[in-house]
Protein backbone atom coordinates (compact mmCIF):
# COMPACT_ATOMS: atom_id res chain seq x y z
CA MET A 1 0.01 0.03 -0.02
CA ILE A 2 1.20 3.50 -0.82
CA GLN A 3 0.05 6.49 1.27
CA LEU A 4 0.73 10.01 0.36
CA ILE A 5 0.06 12.40 3.26
CA ASP A 6 -0.01 16.22 2.40
CA LEU A 7 2.94 15.71 0.08
CA LYS A 8 4.63 18.90 -1.05
CA LYS A 9 7.73 19.37 -3.17
CA SER A 10 9.34 22.66 -4.13
CA PHE A 11 12.40 23.52 -6.24
CA GLY A 12 13.50 26.84 -4.91
CA SER A 13 10.40 29.07 -4.86
CA GLU A 14 8.46 26.97 -7.22
CA GLU A 15 6.11 24.47 -5.58
CA VAL A 16 5.69 21.47 -7.90
CA LEU A 17 3.47 19.25 -5.74
CA HIS A 18 0.75 20.95 -3.72
CA GLY A 19 -0.27 18.94 -0.67
CA ILE A 20 -1.18 15.64 -2.33
CA SER A 21 -2.97 13.06 -0.05
CA ARG A 22 -3.97 9.75 -1.59
CA THR A 23 -3.92 6.08 -0.76
CA PHE A 24 -3.17 3.47 -3.54
CA ALA A 25 -4.57 0.14 -2.53
CA PRO A 26 -2.42 -3.00 -3.10
CA GLY A 27 -2.87 -5.44 -5.91
CA LYS A 28 -4.28 -2.89 -8.39
CA ILE A 29 -3.16 -0.75 -11.34
CA HIS A 30 -3.38 2.92 -10.51
CA GLY A 31 -3.21 5.24 -13.50
CA ILE A 32 -1.92 8.78 -13.39
CA VAL A 33 -2.55 11.05 -16.27
CA GLY A 34 -1.40 14.56 -16.89
CA ASN A 35 0.51 16.77 -19.33
CA ASN A 36 4.25 17.30 -19.27
CA GLY A 37 5.09 19.52 -16.26
CA SER A 38 2.02 18.37 -14.28
CA GLY A 39 4.16 16.83 -11.53
CA LYS A 40 3.75 13.06 -12.43
CA THR A 41 7.40 12.26 -12.66
CA VAL A 42 8.33 14.35 -9.50
CA LEU A 43 5.60 12.47 -7.59
CA MET A 44 6.92 9.10 -8.70
CA LYS A 45 10.49 10.05 -7.79
CA CYS A 46 9.28 11.05 -4.34
CA ILE A 47 7.63 7.66 -3.87
CA CYS A 48 10.80 5.89 -4.90
CA GLY A 49 12.92 7.89 -2.55
CA PHE A 50 14.86 9.54 -5.39
CA LEU A 51 13.61 13.04 -4.29
CA PRO A 52 12.95 14.03 -0.72
CA PRO A 53 9.60 15.80 -0.04
CA THR A 54 9.77 19.39 1.02
CA SER A 55 7.05 18.49 3.58
CA GLY A 56 4.48 15.67 4.15
CA LYS A 57 5.02 11.92 4.04
CA VAL A 58 5.25 9.01 1.63
CA LEU A 59 4.43 5.75 3.34
CA VAL A 60 4.97 2.39 1.53
CA ASP A 61 3.63 -0.60 3.56
CA GLY A 62 3.63 1.56 6.62
CA LYS A 63 7.26 2.69 6.35
CA GLU A 64 8.08 6.29 5.73
CA VAL A 65 10.33 6.76 2.67
CA GLY A 66 13.38 8.86 3.53
CA LYS A 67 13.06 8.16 7.37
CA ASP A 68 12.39 4.45 7.96
CA ILE A 69 13.61 3.38 4.62
CA ASP A 70 15.70 5.07 1.89
CA PHE A 71 14.06 3.09 -0.90
CA PRO A 72 10.95 0.84 -0.62
CA ASP A 73 12.02 -2.74 0.00
CA SER A 74 10.33 -4.43 -2.98
CA LEU A 75 10.11 -1.83 -5.66
CA GLY A 76 10.80 -1.90 -9.36
CA ALA A 77 10.74 1.32 -11.41
CA ILE A 78 11.13 2.74 -14.87
CA ILE A 79 11.20 6.57 -14.68
CA GLU A 80 12.10 8.73 -17.72
CA THR A 81 14.60 7.26 -20.21
CA PRO A 82 16.36 4.27 -18.78
CA GLY A 83 20.17 4.69 -18.57
CA PHE A 84 22.27 1.75 -19.55
CA LEU A 85 25.91 1.18 -20.48
CA PRO A 86 25.84 1.45 -24.33
CA ASN A 87 28.87 -0.82 -24.96
CA LEU A 88 27.39 -3.79 -23.11
CA THR A 89 24.65 -6.15 -24.09
CA GLY A 90 21.22 -6.08 -22.38
CA LEU A 91 22.08 -9.24 -20.47
CA LYS A 92 25.36 -7.66 -19.17
CA ASN A 93 23.64 -4.49 -18.20
CA LEU A 94 21.02 -6.31 -16.10
CA THR A 95 23.66 -8.63 -14.56
CA LEU A 96 25.56 -5.68 -13.34
CA LEU A 97 22.43 -4.05 -11.91
CA ALA A 98 21.31 -7.25 -10.24
CA SER A 99 24.81 -7.65 -8.56
CA LEU A 100 24.20 -4.45 -6.57
CA ARG A 101 21.60 -6.12 -4.41
CA GLY A 102 22.41 -9.79 -5.03
CA LYS A 103 18.81 -10.89 -4.82
CA ILE A 104 18.61 -12.79 -8.13
CA GLY A 105 20.79 -14.95 -10.36
CA ALA A 106 21.23 -15.54 -14.11
CA GLU A 107 18.06 -17.45 -14.64
CA GLU A 108 15.80 -14.71 -13.23
CA ILE A 109 17.64 -12.11 -15.34
CA ARG A 110 17.31 -14.20 -18.51
CA GLY A 111 13.57 -14.87 -17.71
CA SER A 112 12.79 -11.16 -17.26
CA LEU A 113 14.35 -10.46 -20.76
CA ARG A 114 12.26 -13.15 -22.37
CA ARG A 115 9.16 -11.92 -20.64
CA VAL A 116 9.49 -8.45 -22.30
CA GLY A 117 10.24 -10.01 -25.68
CA LEU A 118 14.05 -9.66 -25.79
CA ASN A 119 16.51 -12.53 -26.58
CA PRO A 120 18.85 -12.93 -23.61
CA ASP A 121 21.60 -14.11 -25.89
CA LEU A 122 21.50 -11.10 -28.21
CA LYS A 123 25.08 -9.96 -28.82
CA LYS A 124 24.11 -6.42 -29.94
CA PRO A 125 25.24 -3.75 -27.49
CA VAL A 126 22.53 -1.52 -25.95
CA GLY A 127 23.95 1.44 -27.83
CA LYS A 128 22.74 -0.09 -31.01
CA TYR A 129 19.24 -0.89 -29.64
CA SER A 130 16.15 0.88 -31.05
CA LEU A 131 14.09 3.14 -28.72
CA GLY A 132 11.52 0.32 -28.29
CA MET A 133 14.19 -2.27 -27.41
CA ARG A 134 15.60 0.15 -24.79
CA GLN A 135 12.10 0.54 -23.37
CA ARG A 136 11.69 -3.24 -23.13
CA LEU A 137 15.04 -3.50 -21.41
CA GLY A 138 13.94 -0.88 -18.92
CA ILE A 139 10.83 -2.84 -18.08
CA ALA A 140 12.85 -6.03 -17.77
CA GLN A 141 15.08 -4.14 -15.26
CA ALA A 142 12.02 -3.05 -13.29
CA ILE A 143 10.49 -6.55 -13.02
CA MET A 144 13.58 -8.78 -12.76
CA GLU A 145 13.74 -8.93 -9.00
CA ASP A 146 9.97 -9.82 -8.73
CA PRO A 147 9.04 -6.69 -6.80
CA SER A 148 5.63 -6.32 -5.19
CA LEU A 149 5.35 -2.64 -6.24
CA LEU A 150 6.04 -1.31 -9.74
CA ILE A 151 6.24 2.32 -10.75
CA LEU A 152 6.09 2.72 -14.54
CA ASP A 153 6.50 6.25 -15.95
CA GLU A 154 5.39 6.22 -19.59
CA PRO A 155 6.35 2.52 -20.11
CA PHE A 156 5.11 2.41 -23.73
CA ASN A 157 7.33 5.14 -25.08
CA GLY A 158 9.01 4.03 -28.36
CA LEU A 159 7.00 0.81 -28.61
CA ASP A 160 5.10 -0.01 -31.90
CA LYS A 161 1.54 -1.14 -31.87
CA ALA A 162 2.40 -4.76 -31.35
CA GLY A 163 4.91 -3.87 -28.59
CA VAL A 164 2.28 -1.81 -26.77
CA SER A 165 -0.19 -4.71 -26.91
CA GLN A 166 2.39 -7.12 -25.60
CA MET A 167 3.46 -4.85 -22.70
CA ARG A 168 -0.19 -4.22 -21.77
CA GLN A 169 -0.67 -7.96 -21.49
CA LEU A 170 2.45 -8.19 -19.33
CA ILE A 171 1.20 -5.41 -16.97
CA GLN A 172 -2.18 -7.17 -16.69
CA ALA A 173 -0.37 -10.46 -15.91
CA LEU A 174 1.68 -8.67 -13.25
CA ARG A 175 -1.49 -7.42 -11.58
CA SER A 176 -2.90 -10.92 -11.61
CA GLU A 177 0.24 -11.99 -9.63
CA GLY A 178 -0.84 -9.46 -6.89
CA LYS A 179 1.54 -6.67 -7.71
CA THR A 180 0.67 -3.07 -7.03
CA ILE A 181 1.38 -0.87 -10.10
CA LEU A 182 1.49 2.89 -10.56
CA LEU A 183 1.33 3.69 -14.23
CA ALA A 184 1.77 7.08 -15.79
CA SER A 185 0.72 7.47 -19.51
CA HIS A 186 -0.37 10.19 -21.90
CA ASN A 187 -2.52 7.65 -23.73
CA GLN A 188 -6.14 7.56 -22.58
CA SER A 189 -6.65 4.08 -24.00
CA ASP A 190 -3.89 2.77 -21.72
CA MET A 191 -5.81 4.08 -18.71
CA ASP A 192 -9.14 2.66 -19.99
CA ILE A 193 -7.69 -0.83 -20.74
CA LEU A 194 -5.41 -1.28 -17.78
CA CYS A 195 -6.23 0.74 -14.73
CA ASP A 196 -8.47 0.11 -11.76
CA THR A 197 -8.25 3.69 -10.68
CA VAL A 198 -7.22 6.81 -12.50
CA CYS A 199 -6.05 10.13 -11.04
CA GLU A 200 -5.28 13.32 -12.99
CA MET A 201 -2.27 15.55 -12.24
CA ASP A 202 -2.62 19.18 -13.11
CA ALA A 203 -0.13 21.82 -12.02
CA GLY A 204 0.87 19.71 -8.97
CA HIS A 205 -2.60 18.95 -7.86
CA MET A 206 -4.11 15.42 -7.95
CA GLN A 207 -7.78 14.62 -8.57
CA LEU A 208 -9.39 11.17 -8.65
CA ILE A 209 -11.24 10.56 -11.91
CA THR A 210 -12.21 6.95 -11.68
CA GLY A 211 -11.98 4.25 -9.07
């Protein structure tokens, strides 16, 4: 469960998040829509622990991010453009990332690549990947440690129609496994097809639309 309690975030004199309070129930897909600059990405970074709130609280499973924990225990995220080492293969990149926490081995990494439609044995370095392939690799990175919470910021960027359909099916499968998913997308059909609840962000304010 994610709880936002009067969450505010400012950069200098500019307040980007204006006292957001919201609870996201576990085991559901929660959509967040909004234009660029509406505060979606800043909100997600605060939930992940990447940005400290100016005031208010972010609680994940009852633990305050930035106080009780630096980073939620079981979280996978793709926020903005994923950064990978361009001279290494996708498998090598994920193996390096997985070694930081030591929670999974080679088979889980290879399985996550297959699950997003990438060949684990592809020798092509990431620097030569298409935008859609990079996006798939970013999703594989987010899911490879089997987290209970996923934060996906525009996960369909760069994907063709078939890729979008495949990733939608994956996200629905992840929900059926009991995962809690926060999903930001510009595409209204993503919200309609996937989400149990939808909130709109506008100039740092959040409003529940459906759910």
